[in-house]
Amino acid sequence: MTRDARSIFAGAALLLSATAALGETIVLRDGSTRHGTITLRGQDFIRFRMESDGIKAVIIIDASDIARIESTKPPETPTPATHPATHPATHPTAVASAPLPPPAIAPPAETPRSPTPRATASQAAPKRDFLHELAASAVARGFDDPARLPRQQRELWEAVSAADGGGDKRALLDAMLAIEAALHDDPDGPAKLNALALRKKELPFSIWMAQTRWEVLAPRYRRGIAEVADLRPIEKRAFIGILRGATAPAMDPLRPYFPQSREDNAPTNSSMSGITPQNALEIKDQAQFASAVLSAQLKLEPDMPAVDHDLLSIQLINVRRILTRAVQLETQARLLHDRADRPQK
């Protein structure tokens, strides 16, 4: 997607035909609702097409802001009942057997309608804001336009762009933390950050920020340090997703040393015998990383389902036993390593 196309993605939606029926209602955590059709489900976001007065737009909604999604269908039009056709009687007996026409039913008296109350200012505001953003997006002046930000926030976003181009992930994370803090109390803050990130990186800000933090923290995780204290709410869900994705690759090298036969999860001799001075250093590094990944998930999701909590806890016990065994052999492993590096005389 080119930059020009990204900058007017909402405006281009104005040209879509209005043939599809609206299919979902998204209820946000603040109690507000959005009516439309889900066009794309990402891991941590939803692309949603909305309509107001025949005008359509496409927005991005962060999954962490969604309370629930309800399916809506247009009301079905009842099929009018049909009656058997009657024919003129050609024989006197036909009069008795011919079906009678349905009795005439007088229409019910019309109930006087009460005057339609005028919308209050608070009810009309969301509609005006919606149409205002549609108009702004149509001329490439939507939330994804940095020029719409106040000067201080615009400078913070420029710092994000500069750090992203420089390749220093720590500097990029610091710049992202600064712009997120500046927009934290803005009701439209998440929408602005997502729009800016989608224009620049083609993914929501929450995912971009979580990926950046992971790249900064990965070396510490490989040393067994499960650092989660500084995570911002906007990135927490995406960061958990990264940890889940890292779990299987971290665990796979250690599975040969897991309990193989007993049901009490205690390591058997056969499972631990594969850890030797020759591979202890490598296994230690692998176990430290796996331990940090599992520990971080348990810290970030204390209310996870019991079955998931129990599974992660058992895996963590096994990983820590493997780590303990590797540490016990570390001294011998380092002696072998130093001997192998010593020049032969």
C-alpha atoms as a PDB file:
ATOM      1  CA  MET A   1       0.000   0.000   0.000  1.00  0.00           C
ATOM      2  CA  THR A   2       1.462   3.353  -0.989  1.00  0.00           C
ATOM      3  CA  ARG A   3       1.594   6.285   1.386  1.00  0.00           C
ATOM      4  CA  ASP A   4      -1.014   8.219  -0.581  1.00  0.00           C
ATOM      5  CA  ALA A   5      -3.370   5.261  -0.440  1.00  0.00           C
ATOM      6  CA  ARG A   6      -2.883   4.843   3.295  1.00  0.00           C
ATOM      7  CA  SER A   7      -3.479   8.519   3.983  1.00  0.00           C
ATOM      8  CA  ILE A   8      -6.897   8.464   2.378  1.00  0.00           C
ATOM      9  CA  PHE A   9      -8.042   4.953   3.303  1.00  0.00           C
ATOM     10  CA  ALA A  10     -11.055   6.334   5.124  1.00  0.00           C
ATOM     11  CA  GLY A  11     -11.856   8.862   2.401  1.00  0.00           C
ATOM     12  CA  ALA A  12     -11.723   6.238  -0.295  1.00  0.00           C
ATOM     13  CA  ALA A  13     -14.422   4.335   1.574  1.00  0.00           C
ATOM     14  CA  LEU A  14     -16.850   7.121   0.648  1.00  0.00           C
ATOM     15  CA  LEU A  15     -16.879   5.767  -2.896  1.00  0.00           C
ATOM     16  CA  LEU A  16     -17.987   2.282  -1.902  1.00  0.00           C
ATOM     17  CA  SER A  17     -21.436   1.129  -2.943  1.00  0.00           C
ATOM     18  CA  ALA A  18     -24.003   0.593  -0.198  1.00  0.00           C
ATOM     19  CA  THR A  19     -25.042  -2.915  -1.149  1.00  0.00           C
ATOM     20  CA  ALA A  20     -23.935  -4.943   1.879  1.00  0.00           C
ATOM     21  CA  ALA A  21     -26.189  -5.118   4.916  1.00  0.00           C
ATOM     22  CA  LEU A  22     -24.730  -4.066   8.249  1.00  0.00           C
ATOM     23  CA  GLY A  23     -23.783  -7.198  10.139  1.00  0.00           C
ATOM     24  CA  GLU A  24     -22.242  -6.411  13.560  1.00  0.00           C
ATOM     25  CA  THR A  25     -22.564  -4.124  16.529  1.00  0.00           C
ATOM     26  CA  ILE A  26     -19.365  -3.530  18.492  1.00  0.00           C
ATOM     27  CA  VAL A  27     -19.843  -2.519  22.127  1.00  0.00           C
ATOM     28  CA  LEU A  28     -16.794  -0.688  23.469  1.00  0.00           C
ATOM     29  CA  ARG A  29     -15.631  -0.761  27.065  1.00  0.00           C
ATOM     30  CA  ASP A  30     -16.727   2.851  27.568  1.00  0.00           C
ATOM     31  CA  GLY A  31     -20.319   1.840  26.761  1.00  0.00           C
ATOM     32  CA  SER A  32     -20.485   3.349  23.276  1.00  0.00           C
ATOM     33  CA  THR A  33     -21.401   1.265  20.240  1.00  0.00           C
ATOM     34  CA  ARG A  34     -20.378   1.074  16.595  1.00  0.00           C
ATOM     35  CA  HIS A  35     -22.664  -0.417  13.951  1.00  0.00           C
ATOM     36  CA  GLY A  36     -21.301  -1.811  10.710  1.00  0.00           C
ATOM     37  CA  THR A  37     -19.493  -4.756   9.163  1.00  0.00           C
ATOM     38  CA  ILE A  38     -16.186  -6.373  10.153  1.00  0.00           C
ATOM     39  CA  THR A  39     -13.972  -6.511   7.058  1.00  0.00           C
ATOM     40  CA  LEU A  40     -10.782  -7.866   8.686  1.00  0.00           C
ATOM     41  CA  ARG A  41      -9.997  -9.535  12.017  1.00  0.00           C
ATOM     42  CA  GLY A  42      -6.375  -9.128  13.085  1.00  0.00           C
ATOM     43  CA  GLN A  43      -4.766 -10.610  16.160  1.00  0.00           C
ATOM     44  CA  ASP A  44      -5.205  -7.400  18.151  1.00  0.00           C
ATOM     45  CA  PHE A  45      -7.398  -5.184  16.013  1.00  0.00           C
ATOM     46  CA  ILE A  46     -10.501  -5.175  13.856  1.00  0.00           C
ATOM     47  CA  ARG A  47     -11.049  -3.291  10.619  1.00  0.00           C
ATOM     48  CA  PHE A  48     -14.650  -2.079  10.691  1.00  0.00           C
ATOM     49  CA  ARG A  49     -16.831  -0.488   8.019  1.00  0.00           C
ATOM     50  CA  MET A  50     -19.487   1.940   9.319  1.00  0.00           C
ATOM     51  CA  GLU A  51     -22.291   3.893   7.676  1.00  0.00           C
ATOM     52  CA  SER A  52     -24.111   7.095   8.581  1.00  0.00           C
ATOM     53  CA  ASP A  53     -26.730   8.679   6.329  1.00  0.00           C
ATOM     54  CA  GLY A  54     -25.535   6.642   3.368  1.00  0.00           C
ATOM     55  CA  ILE A  55     -21.881   7.631   3.872  1.00  0.00           C
ATOM     56  CA  LYS A  56     -19.412   4.857   4.626  1.00  0.00           C
ATOM     57  CA  ALA A  57     -16.001   4.855   6.301  1.00  0.00           C
ATOM     58  CA  VAL A  58     -13.478   2.253   7.455  1.00  0.00           C
ATOM     59  CA  ILE A  59     -11.949   2.496  10.935  1.00  0.00           C
ATOM     60  CA  ILE A  60      -9.521   0.420  13.008  1.00  0.00           C
ATOM     61  CA  ILE A  61     -10.597  -0.638  16.524  1.00  0.00           C
ATOM     62  CA  ASP A  62      -8.079  -1.995  19.024  1.00  0.00           C
ATOM     63  CA  ALA A  63      -9.227  -5.333  20.426  1.00  0.00           C
ATOM     64  CA  SER A  64      -8.438  -4.174  23.968  1.00  0.00           C
ATOM     65  CA  ASP A  65     -11.141  -1.491  23.630  1.00  0.00           C
ATOM     66  CA  ILE A  66     -13.887  -3.981  22.688  1.00  0.00           C
ATOM     67  CA  ALA A  67     -16.255  -5.322  25.342  1.00  0.00           C
ATOM     68  CA  ARG A  68     -18.218  -7.595  23.017  1.00  0.00           C
ATOM     69  CA  ILE A  69     -19.383  -8.039  19.424  1.00  0.00           C
ATOM     70  CA  GLU A  70     -23.038  -8.656  18.612  1.00  0.00           C
ATOM     71  CA  SER A  71     -24.391  -9.893  15.310  1.00  0.00           C
ATOM     72  CA  THR A  72     -27.214  -7.860  13.789  1.00  0.00           C
ATOM     73  CA  LYS A  73     -29.413  -8.776  10.846  1.00  0.00           C
ATOM     74  CA  PRO A  74     -31.901  -6.667   8.910  1.00  0.00           C
ATOM     75  CA  PRO A  75     -35.522  -7.512   9.797  1.00  0.00           C
ATOM     76  CA  GLU A  76     -37.091 -10.045   7.535  1.00  0.00           C
ATOM     77  CA  THR A  77     -39.978  -8.871   5.398  1.00  0.00           C
ATOM     78  CA  PRO A  78     -43.023 -11.099   6.050  1.00  0.00           C
ATOM     79  CA  THR A  79     -44.417 -12.862   3.016  1.00  0.00           C
ATOM     80  CA  PRO A  80     -48.054 -11.857   2.486  1.00  0.00           C
ATOM     81  CA  ALA A  81     -50.474 -14.740   2.923  1.00  0.00           C
ATOM     82  CA  THR A  82     -52.194 -15.995  -0.179  1.00  0.00           C
ATOM     83  CA  HIS A  83     -55.768 -17.267  -0.356  1.00  0.00           C
ATOM     84  CA  PRO A  84     -57.165 -19.904  -2.691  1.00  0.00           C
ATOM     85  CA  ALA A  85     -58.604 -18.382  -5.794  1.00  0.00           C
ATOM     86  CA  THR A  86     -62.389 -18.493  -6.060  1.00  0.00           C
ATOM     87  CA  HIS A  87     -64.266 -19.181  -9.289  1.00  0.00           C
ATOM     88  CA  PRO A  88     -67.884 -18.431 -10.273  1.00  0.00           C
ATOM     89  CA  ALA A  89     -70.160 -21.326  -9.420  1.00  0.00           C
ATOM     90  CA  THR A  90     -71.441 -23.193 -12.451  1.00  0.00           C
ATOM     91  CA  HIS A  91     -73.666 -25.579 -10.468  1.00  0.00           C
ATOM     92  CA  PRO A  92     -75.984 -24.947  -7.513  1.00  0.00           C
ATOM     93  CA  THR A  93     -73.984 -27.312  -5.282  1.00  0.00           C
ATOM     94  CA  ALA A  94     -70.793 -25.418  -6.013  1.00  0.00           C
ATOM     95  CA  VAL A  95     -71.946 -22.520  -3.868  1.00  0.00           C
ATOM     96  CA  ALA A  96     -71.722 -24.536  -0.666  1.00  0.00           C
ATOM     97  CA  SER A  97     -68.322 -26.079  -1.452  1.00  0.00           C
ATOM     98  CA  ALA A  98     -66.577 -22.998  -2.727  1.00  0.00           C
ATOM     99  CA  PRO A  99     -64.174 -21.437  -0.165  1.00  0.00           C
ATOM    100  CA  LEU A 100     -65.481 -18.295   1.423  1.00  0.00           C
ATOM    101  CA  PRO A 101     -63.502 -15.106   0.942  1.00  0.00           C
ATOM    102  CA  PRO A 102     -61.643 -13.925   4.030  1.00  0.00           C
ATOM    103  CA  PRO A 103     -63.776 -11.707   6.255  1.00  0.00           C
ATOM    104  CA  ALA A 104     -63.154  -8.023   5.998  1.00  0.00           C
ATOM    105  CA  ILE A 105     -61.147  -6.756   8.926  1.00  0.00           C
ATOM    106  CA  ALA A 106     -61.387  -3.138   9.860  1.00  0.00           C
ATOM    107  CA  PRO A 107     -57.989  -1.488  10.195  1.00  0.00           C
ATOM    108  CA  PRO A 108     -57.071  -0.681  13.781  1.00  0.00           C
ATOM    109  CA  ALA A 109     -57.536   2.832  14.908  1.00  0.00           C
ATOM    110  CA  GLU A 110     -54.338   4.771  14.465  1.00  0.00           C
ATOM    111  CA  THR A 111     -52.631   5.459  17.759  1.00  0.00           C
ATOM    112  CA  PRO A 112     -51.723   9.113  18.063  1.00  0.00           C
ATOM    113  CA  ARG A 113     -47.979   9.486  17.833  1.00  0.00           C
ATOM    114  CA  SER A 114     -46.174  11.476  20.415  1.00  0.00           C
ATOM    115  CA  PRO A 115     -43.909  14.188  19.042  1.00  0.00           C
ATOM    116  CA  THR A 116     -40.425  12.877  18.291  1.00  0.00           C
ATOM    117  CA  PRO A 117     -38.063  14.316  20.904  1.00  0.00           C
ATOM    118  CA  ARG A 118     -35.216  16.350  19.527  1.00  0.00           C
ATOM    119  CA  ALA A 119     -31.767  14.919  19.969  1.00  0.00           C
ATOM    120  CA  THR A 120     -29.853  16.371  22.843  1.00  0.00           C
ATOM    121  CA  ALA A 121     -26.450  17.931  22.342  1.00  0.00           C
ATOM    122  CA  SER A 122     -24.744  14.864  23.830  1.00  0.00           C
ATOM    123  CA  GLN A 123     -26.627  12.555  21.439  1.00  0.00           C
ATOM    124  CA  ALA A 124     -25.909  14.661  18.378  1.00  0.00           C
ATOM    125  CA  ALA A 125     -22.229  15.154  19.135  1.00  0.00           C
ATOM    126  CA  PRO A 126     -21.048  11.647  18.139  1.00  0.00           C
ATOM    127  CA  LYS A 127     -22.824  11.958  14.788  1.00  0.00           C
ATOM    128  CA  ARG A 128     -21.316  15.377  14.120  1.00  0.00           C
ATOM    129  CA  ASP A 129     -17.859  14.104  15.138  1.00  0.00           C
ATOM    130  CA  PHE A 130     -18.283  11.071  12.887  1.00  0.00           C
ATOM    131  CA  LEU A 131     -19.232  13.181   9.872  1.00  0.00           C
ATOM    132  CA  HIS A 132     -16.476  15.662  10.666  1.00  0.00           C
ATOM    133  CA  GLU A 133     -13.866  12.888  10.641  1.00  0.00           C
ATOM    134  CA  LEU A 134     -15.302  11.508   7.406  1.00  0.00           C
ATOM    135  CA  ALA A 135     -14.914  14.878   5.753  1.00  0.00           C
ATOM    136  CA  ALA A 136     -11.383  15.291   7.108  1.00  0.00           C
ATOM    137  CA  SER A 137     -10.375  11.815   5.963  1.00  0.00           C
ATOM    138  CA  ALA A 138     -11.796  12.422   2.500  1.00  0.00           C
ATOM    139  CA  VAL A 139      -9.268  15.214   1.970  1.00  0.00           C
ATOM    140  CA  ALA A 140      -6.384  13.314   3.596  1.00  0.00           C
ATOM    141  CA  ARG A 141      -6.743  15.249   6.856  1.00  0.00           C
ATOM    142  CA  GLY A 142      -7.862  12.418   9.126  1.00  0.00           C
ATOM    143  CA  PHE A 143      -6.331  11.273  12.391  1.00  0.00           C
ATOM    144  CA  ASP A 144      -3.399   9.868  10.419  1.00  0.00           C
ATOM    145  CA  ASP A 145      -2.273  13.382   9.473  1.00  0.00           C
ATOM    146  CA  PRO A 146       0.450  14.556  11.927  1.00  0.00           C
ATOM    147  CA  ALA A 147      -0.280  18.170  10.971  1.00  0.00           C
ATOM    148  CA  ARG A 148      -3.543  17.951  12.931  1.00  0.00           C
ATOM    149  CA  LEU A 149      -1.687  17.355  16.199  1.00  0.00           C
ATOM    150  CA  PRO A 150      -0.865  20.248  18.534  1.00  0.00           C
ATOM    151  CA  ARG A 151       2.717  21.435  18.186  1.00  0.00           C
ATOM    152  CA  GLN A 152       4.087  19.581  21.225  1.00  0.00           C
ATOM    153  CA  GLN A 153       2.446  16.292  20.246  1.00  0.00           C
ATOM    154  CA  ARG A 154       3.513  16.753  16.632  1.00  0.00           C
ATOM    155  CA  GLU A 155       7.123  17.156  17.760  1.00  0.00           C
ATOM    156  CA  LEU A 156       6.840  13.974  19.830  1.00  0.00           C
ATOM    157  CA  TRP A 157       5.538  12.079  16.794  1.00  0.00           C
ATOM    158  CA  GLU A 158       8.381  13.454  14.689  1.00  0.00           C
ATOM    159  CA  ALA A 159      10.752  12.077  17.345  1.00  0.00           C
ATOM    160  CA  VAL A 160       9.110   8.655  16.934  1.00  0.00           C
ATOM    161  CA  SER A 161       9.605   8.801  13.160  1.00  0.00           C
ATOM    162  CA  ALA A 162      13.232   9.883  13.534  1.00  0.00           C
ATOM    163  CA  ALA A 163      14.002   7.128  16.058  1.00  0.00           C
ATOM    164  CA  ASP A 164      12.362   4.536  13.819  1.00  0.00           C
ATOM    165  CA  GLY A 165      14.601   5.571  10.960  1.00  0.00           C
ATOM    166  CA  GLY A 166      17.700   5.532  13.169  1.00  0.00           C
ATOM    167  CA  GLY A 167      17.421   1.878  14.158  1.00  0.00           C
ATOM    168  CA  ASP A 168      17.947   2.406  17.912  1.00  0.00           C
ATOM    169  CA  LYS A 169      15.123   0.361  19.456  1.00  0.00           C
ATOM    170  CA  ARG A 170      15.646   1.770  22.946  1.00  0.00           C
ATOM    171  CA  ALA A 171      15.367   5.334  21.615  1.00  0.00           C
ATOM    172  CA  LEU A 172      12.300   4.348  19.593  1.00  0.00           C
ATOM    173  CA  LEU A 173      10.594   2.834  22.631  1.00  0.00           C
ATOM    174  CA  ASP A 174      11.316   5.954  24.701  1.00  0.00           C
ATOM    175  CA  ALA A 175       9.830   8.155  21.960  1.00  0.00           C
ATOM    176  CA  MET A 176       6.739   5.932  21.732  1.00  0.00           C
ATOM    177  CA  LEU A 177       6.283   6.094  25.510  1.00  0.00           C
ATOM    178  CA  ALA A 178       6.457   9.889  25.344  1.00  0.00           C
ATOM    179  CA  ILE A 179       3.792  10.267  22.618  1.00  0.00           C
ATOM    180  CA  GLU A 180       1.549   7.689  24.328  1.00  0.00           C
ATOM    181  CA  ALA A 181       1.783   9.572  27.617  1.00  0.00           C
ATOM    182  CA  ALA A 182       0.997  12.874  25.878  1.00  0.00           C
ATOM    183  CA  LEU A 183      -2.194  11.422  24.344  1.00  0.00           C
ATOM    184  CA  HIS A 184      -3.168   9.233  27.285  1.00  0.00           C
ATOM    185  CA  ASP A 185      -5.904  11.567  28.571  1.00  0.00           C
ATOM    186  CA  ASP A 186      -7.216  12.404  25.088  1.00  0.00           C
ATOM    187  CA  PRO A 187     -10.485  10.476  24.412  1.00  0.00           C
ATOM    188  CA  ASP A 188      -9.352  10.118  20.798  1.00  0.00           C
ATOM    189  CA  GLY A 189      -5.767   9.298  21.796  1.00  0.00           C
ATOM    190  CA  PRO A 190      -5.830   5.577  20.879  1.00  0.00           C
ATOM    191  CA  ALA A 191      -7.564   6.317  17.562  1.00  0.00           C
ATOM    192  CA  LYS A 192      -4.974   8.973  16.692  1.00  0.00           C
ATOM    193  CA  LEU A 193      -2.024   6.748  17.597  1.00  0.00           C
ATOM    194  CA  ASN A 194      -3.456   3.823  15.612  1.00  0.00           C
ATOM    195  CA  ALA A 195      -4.131   5.996  12.579  1.00  0.00           C
ATOM    196  CA  LEU A 196      -0.611   7.470  12.646  1.00  0.00           C
ATOM    197  CA  ALA A 197       0.971   4.029  13.064  1.00  0.00           C
ATOM    198  CA  LEU A 198      -1.141   2.500  10.303  1.00  0.00           C
ATOM    199  CA  ARG A 199      -0.032   5.250   7.948  1.00  0.00           C
ATOM    200  CA  LYS A 200       3.635   4.782   8.810  1.00  0.00           C
ATOM    201  CA  LYS A 201       3.978   1.049   9.608  1.00  0.00           C
ATOM    202  CA  GLU A 202       0.700  -0.501   8.386  1.00  0.00           C
ATOM    203  CA  LEU A 203      -0.104  -1.938  11.828  1.00  0.00           C
ATOM    204  CA  PRO A 204      -1.769  -0.561  14.991  1.00  0.00           C
ATOM    205  CA  PHE A 205       0.309   1.445  17.444  1.00  0.00           C
ATOM    206  CA  SER A 206      -0.264  -1.108  20.233  1.00  0.00           C
ATOM    207  CA  ILE A 207       1.305  -3.918  18.190  1.00  0.00           C
ATOM    208  CA  TRP A 208       4.168  -1.733  16.952  1.00  0.00           C
ATOM    209  CA  MET A 209       4.951  -0.636  20.512  1.00  0.00           C
ATOM    210  CA  ALA A 210       4.817  -4.203  21.872  1.00  0.00           C
ATOM    211  CA  GLN A 211       7.111  -5.453  19.108  1.00  0.00           C
ATOM    212  CA  THR A 212       9.574  -2.642  19.828  1.00  0.00           C
ATOM    213  CA  ARG A 213       9.563  -3.404  23.566  1.00  0.00           C
ATOM    214  CA  TRP A 214      10.157  -7.092  22.861  1.00  0.00           C
ATOM    215  CA  GLU A 215      13.186  -6.270  20.723  1.00  0.00           C
ATOM    216  CA  VAL A 216      14.531  -4.150  23.594  1.00  0.00           C
ATOM    217  CA  LEU A 217      13.853  -6.743  26.308  1.00  0.00           C
ATOM    218  CA  ALA A 218      14.716  -9.956  24.412  1.00  0.00           C
ATOM    219  CA  PRO A 219      18.394  -9.962  25.556  1.00  0.00           C
ATOM    220  CA  ARG A 220      17.254  -9.753  29.197  1.00  0.00           C
ATOM    221  CA  TYR A 221      14.780 -12.587  28.660  1.00  0.00           C
ATOM    222  CA  ARG A 222      17.591 -14.728  27.285  1.00  0.00           C
ATOM    223  CA  ARG A 223      19.380 -14.206  30.606  1.00  0.00           C
ATOM    224  CA  GLY A 224      16.263 -15.402  32.457  1.00  0.00           C
ATOM    225  CA  ILE A 225      14.903 -11.977  33.472  1.00  0.00           C
ATOM    226  CA  ALA A 226      11.116 -11.739  32.972  1.00  0.00           C
ATOM    227  CA  GLU A 227      10.740  -7.952  32.853  1.00  0.00           C
ATOM    228  CA  VAL A 228       7.104  -6.795  32.649  1.00  0.00           C
ATOM    229  CA  ALA A 229       6.796  -4.009  35.224  1.00  0.00           C
ATOM    230  CA  ASP A 230       6.957  -1.071  32.794  1.00  0.00           C
ATOM    231  CA  LEU A 231       4.399  -2.334  30.253  1.00  0.00           C
ATOM    232  CA  ARG A 232       1.739   0.215  29.293  1.00  0.00           C
ATOM    233  CA  PRO A 233      -1.924  -0.894  29.129  1.00  0.00           C
ATOM    234  CA  ILE A 234      -2.089  -0.055  25.420  1.00  0.00           C
ATOM    235  CA  GLU A 235       0.600  -2.664  24.602  1.00  0.00           C
ATOM    236  CA  LYS A 236      -0.079  -5.309  27.241  1.00  0.00           C
ATOM    237  CA  ARG A 237      -2.407  -7.489  25.154  1.00  0.00           C
ATOM    238  CA  ALA A 238      -0.090  -7.440  22.136  1.00  0.00           C
ATOM    239  CA  PHE A 239       2.951  -8.206  24.322  1.00  0.00           C
ATOM    240  CA  ILE A 240       1.158 -11.250  25.787  1.00  0.00           C
ATOM    241  CA  GLY A 241       0.546 -12.394  22.223  1.00  0.00           C
ATOM    242  CA  ILE A 242       4.283 -12.121  21.501  1.00  0.00           C
ATOM    243  CA  LEU A 243       5.097 -14.189  24.595  1.00  0.00           C
ATOM    244  CA  ARG A 244       2.605 -16.859  23.559  1.00  0.00           C
ATOM    245  CA  GLY A 245       4.180 -16.980  20.131  1.00  0.00           C
ATOM    246  CA  ALA A 246       7.636 -17.404  21.695  1.00  0.00           C
ATOM    247  CA  THR A 247       6.575 -20.218  24.038  1.00  0.00           C
ATOM    248  CA  ALA A 248       6.719 -23.174  21.642  1.00  0.00           C
ATOM    249  CA  PRO A 249      10.112 -22.243  20.091  1.00  0.00           C
ATOM    250  CA  ALA A 250      11.529 -21.737  23.594  1.00  0.00           C
ATOM    251  CA  MET A 251      10.188 -25.051  24.908  1.00  0.00           C
ATOM    252  CA  ASP A 252      10.933 -27.342  21.954  1.00  0.00           C
ATOM    253  CA  PRO A 253      14.717 -27.770  22.598  1.00  0.00           C
ATOM    254  CA  LEU A 254      13.986 -28.720  26.230  1.00  0.00           C
ATOM    255  CA  ARG A 255      11.198 -31.246  25.685  1.00  0.00           C
ATOM    256  CA  PRO A 256      13.580 -34.256  25.459  1.00  0.00           C
ATOM    257  CA  TYR A 257      14.483 -33.595  29.119  1.00  0.00           C
ATOM    258  CA  PHE A 258      10.870 -33.437  30.360  1.00  0.00           C
ATOM    259  CA  PRO A 259       9.418 -36.364  32.377  1.00  0.00           C
ATOM    260  CA  GLN A 260       8.716 -39.248  30.039  1.00  0.00           C
ATOM    261  CA  SER A 261       6.994 -41.943  32.101  1.00  0.00           C
ATOM    262  CA  ARG A 262       5.975 -40.870  35.592  1.00  0.00           C
ATOM    263  CA  GLU A 263       2.765 -39.005  36.324  1.00  0.00           C
ATOM    264  CA  ASP A 264       4.037 -36.882  39.228  1.00  0.00           C
ATOM    265  CA  ASN A 265       6.020 -34.614  36.862  1.00  0.00           C
ATOM    266  CA  ALA A 266       9.283 -35.558  38.570  1.00  0.00           C
ATOM    267  CA  PRO A 267      12.102 -35.938  36.041  1.00  0.00           C
ATOM    268  CA  THR A 268      13.176 -39.518  35.450  1.00  0.00           C
ATOM    269  CA  ASN A 269      16.791 -40.567  35.189  1.00  0.00           C
ATOM    270  CA  SER A 270      16.404 -41.099  31.467  1.00  0.00           C
ATOM    271  CA  SER A 271      15.027 -37.615  30.900  1.00  0.00           C
ATOM    272  CA  MET A 272      17.810 -35.832  32.800  1.00  0.00           C
ATOM    273  CA  SER A 273      20.675 -38.024  31.702  1.00  0.00           C
ATOM    274  CA  GLY A 274      20.838 -36.231  28.384  1.00  0.00           C
ATOM    275  CA  ILE A 275      22.174 -33.115  30.118  1.00  0.00           C
ATOM    276  CA  THR A 276      25.967 -33.443  30.139  1.00  0.00           C
ATOM    277  CA  PRO A 277      28.983 -31.150  30.543  1.00  0.00           C
ATOM    278  CA  GLN A 278      29.210 -31.088  26.771  1.00  0.00           C
ATOM    279  CA  ASN A 279      25.779 -29.436  26.310  1.00  0.00           C
ATOM    280  CA  ALA A 280      25.109 -27.910  29.745  1.00  0.00           C
ATOM    281  CA  LEU A 281      25.983 -24.342  28.743  1.00  0.00           C
ATOM    282  CA  GLU A 282      23.671 -24.427  25.741  1.00  0.00           C
ATOM    283  CA  ILE A 283      20.841 -25.998  27.738  1.00  0.00           C
ATOM    284  CA  LYS A 284      21.313 -23.419  30.499  1.00  0.00           C
ATOM    285  CA  ASP A 285      20.798 -20.570  28.018  1.00  0.00           C
ATOM    286  CA  GLN A 286      17.724 -22.276  26.545  1.00  0.00           C
ATOM    287  CA  ALA A 287      16.205 -22.954  29.969  1.00  0.00           C
ATOM    288  CA  GLN A 288      16.783 -19.383  31.139  1.00  0.00           C
ATOM    289  CA  PHE A 289      14.917 -18.019  28.125  1.00  0.00           C
ATOM    290  CA  ALA A 290      12.028 -20.488  28.455  1.00  0.00           C
ATOM    291  CA  SER A 291      11.750 -19.776  32.182  1.00  0.00           C
ATOM    292  CA  ALA A 292      11.490 -16.026  31.575  1.00  0.00           C
ATOM    293  CA  VAL A 293       8.861 -16.427  28.831  1.00  0.00           C
ATOM    294  CA  LEU A 294       6.668 -18.654  31.007  1.00  0.00           C
ATOM    295  CA  SER A 295       7.123 -16.527  34.142  1.00  0.00           C
ATOM    296  CA  ALA A 296       6.182 -13.342  32.286  1.00  0.00           C
ATOM    297  CA  GLN A 297       2.904 -14.866  31.087  1.00  0.00           C
ATOM    298  CA  LEU A 298       1.962 -15.934  34.600  1.00  0.00           C
ATOM    299  CA  LYS A 299       2.722 -12.422  35.879  1.00  0.00           C
ATOM    300  CA  LEU A 300       0.791 -10.639  33.139  1.00  0.00           C
ATOM    301  CA  GLU A 301      -2.254 -12.928  33.224  1.00  0.00           C
ATOM    302  CA  PRO A 302      -2.962 -13.831  36.865  1.00  0.00           C
ATOM    303  CA  ASP A 303      -6.629 -14.411  35.975  1.00  0.00           C
ATOM    304  CA  MET A 304      -6.033 -16.739  33.019  1.00  0.00           C
ATOM    305  CA  PRO A 305      -8.189 -19.900  32.858  1.00  0.00           C
ATOM    306  CA  ALA A 306      -7.181 -22.473  35.453  1.00  0.00           C
ATOM    307  CA  VAL A 307      -6.327 -25.105  32.851  1.00  0.00           C
ATOM    308  CA  ASP A 308      -3.879 -22.723  31.116  1.00  0.00           C
ATOM    309  CA  HIS A 309      -2.408 -21.609  34.446  1.00  0.00           C
ATOM    310  CA  ASP A 310      -1.817 -25.202  35.527  1.00  0.00           C
ATOM    311  CA  LEU A 311      -0.203 -26.120  32.210  1.00  0.00           C
ATOM    312  CA  LEU A 312       2.195 -23.164  32.282  1.00  0.00           C
ATOM    313  CA  SER A 313       3.025 -23.824  35.941  1.00  0.00           C
ATOM    314  CA  ILE A 314       3.902 -27.473  35.267  1.00  0.00           C
ATOM    315  CA  GLN A 315       6.026 -26.492  32.286  1.00  0.00           C
ATOM    316  CA  LEU A 316       7.808 -23.866  34.384  1.00  0.00           C
ATOM    317  CA  ILE A 317       8.577 -26.463  37.085  1.00  0.00           C
ATOM    318  CA  ASN A 318      10.121 -28.773  34.505  1.00  0.00           C
ATOM    319  CA  VAL A 319      12.124 -25.956  32.915  1.00  0.00           C
ATOM    320  CA  ARG A 320      13.514 -24.848  36.272  1.00  0.00           C
ATOM    321  CA  ARG A 321      14.572 -28.410  37.097  1.00  0.00           C
ATOM    322  CA  ILE A 322      16.402 -28.604  33.802  1.00  0.00           C
ATOM    323  CA  LEU A 323      17.997 -25.224  34.527  1.00  0.00           C
ATOM    324  CA  THR A 324      19.108 -26.406  37.964  1.00  0.00           C
ATOM    325  CA  ARG A 325      20.756 -29.494  36.462  1.00  0.00           C
ATOM    326  CA  ALA A 326      22.519 -27.418  33.809  1.00  0.00           C
ATOM    327  CA  VAL A 327      23.841 -25.016  36.456  1.00  0.00           C
ATOM    328  CA  GLN A 328      25.170 -27.964  38.485  1.00  0.00           C
ATOM    329  CA  LEU A 329      27.220 -29.009  35.451  1.00  0.00           C
ATOM    330  CA  GLU A 330      28.262 -25.493  34.499  1.00  0.00           C
ATOM    331  CA  THR A 331      31.690 -25.614  36.161  1.00  0.00           C
ATOM    332  CA  GLN A 332      32.650 -28.837  34.391  1.00  0.00           C
ATOM    333  CA  ALA A 333      31.213 -27.461  31.138  1.00  0.00           C
ATOM    334  CA  ARG A 334      33.350 -24.335  31.330  1.00  0.00           C
ATOM    335  CA  LEU A 335      36.481 -26.362  32.061  1.00  0.00           C
ATOM    336  CA  LEU A 336      35.846 -28.446  28.960  1.00  0.00           C
ATOM    337  CA  HIS A 337      35.172 -25.287  26.962  1.00  0.00           C
ATOM    338  CA  ASP A 338      38.405 -23.630  28.141  1.00  0.00           C
ATOM    339  CA  ARG A 339      40.387 -26.803  27.445  1.00  0.00           C
ATOM    340  CA  ALA A 340      39.005 -26.966  23.929  1.00  0.00           C
ATOM    341  CA  ASP A 341      39.974 -23.317  23.300  1.00  0.00           C
ATOM    342  CA  ARG A 342      43.515 -23.773  24.730  1.00  0.00           C
ATOM    343  CA  PRO A 343      46.087 -24.020  21.928  1.00  0.00           C
ATOM    344  CA  GLN A 344      47.618 -27.452  21.572  1.00  0.00           C
ATOM    345  CA  LYS A 345      51.351 -27.672  22.346  1.00  0.00           C
END
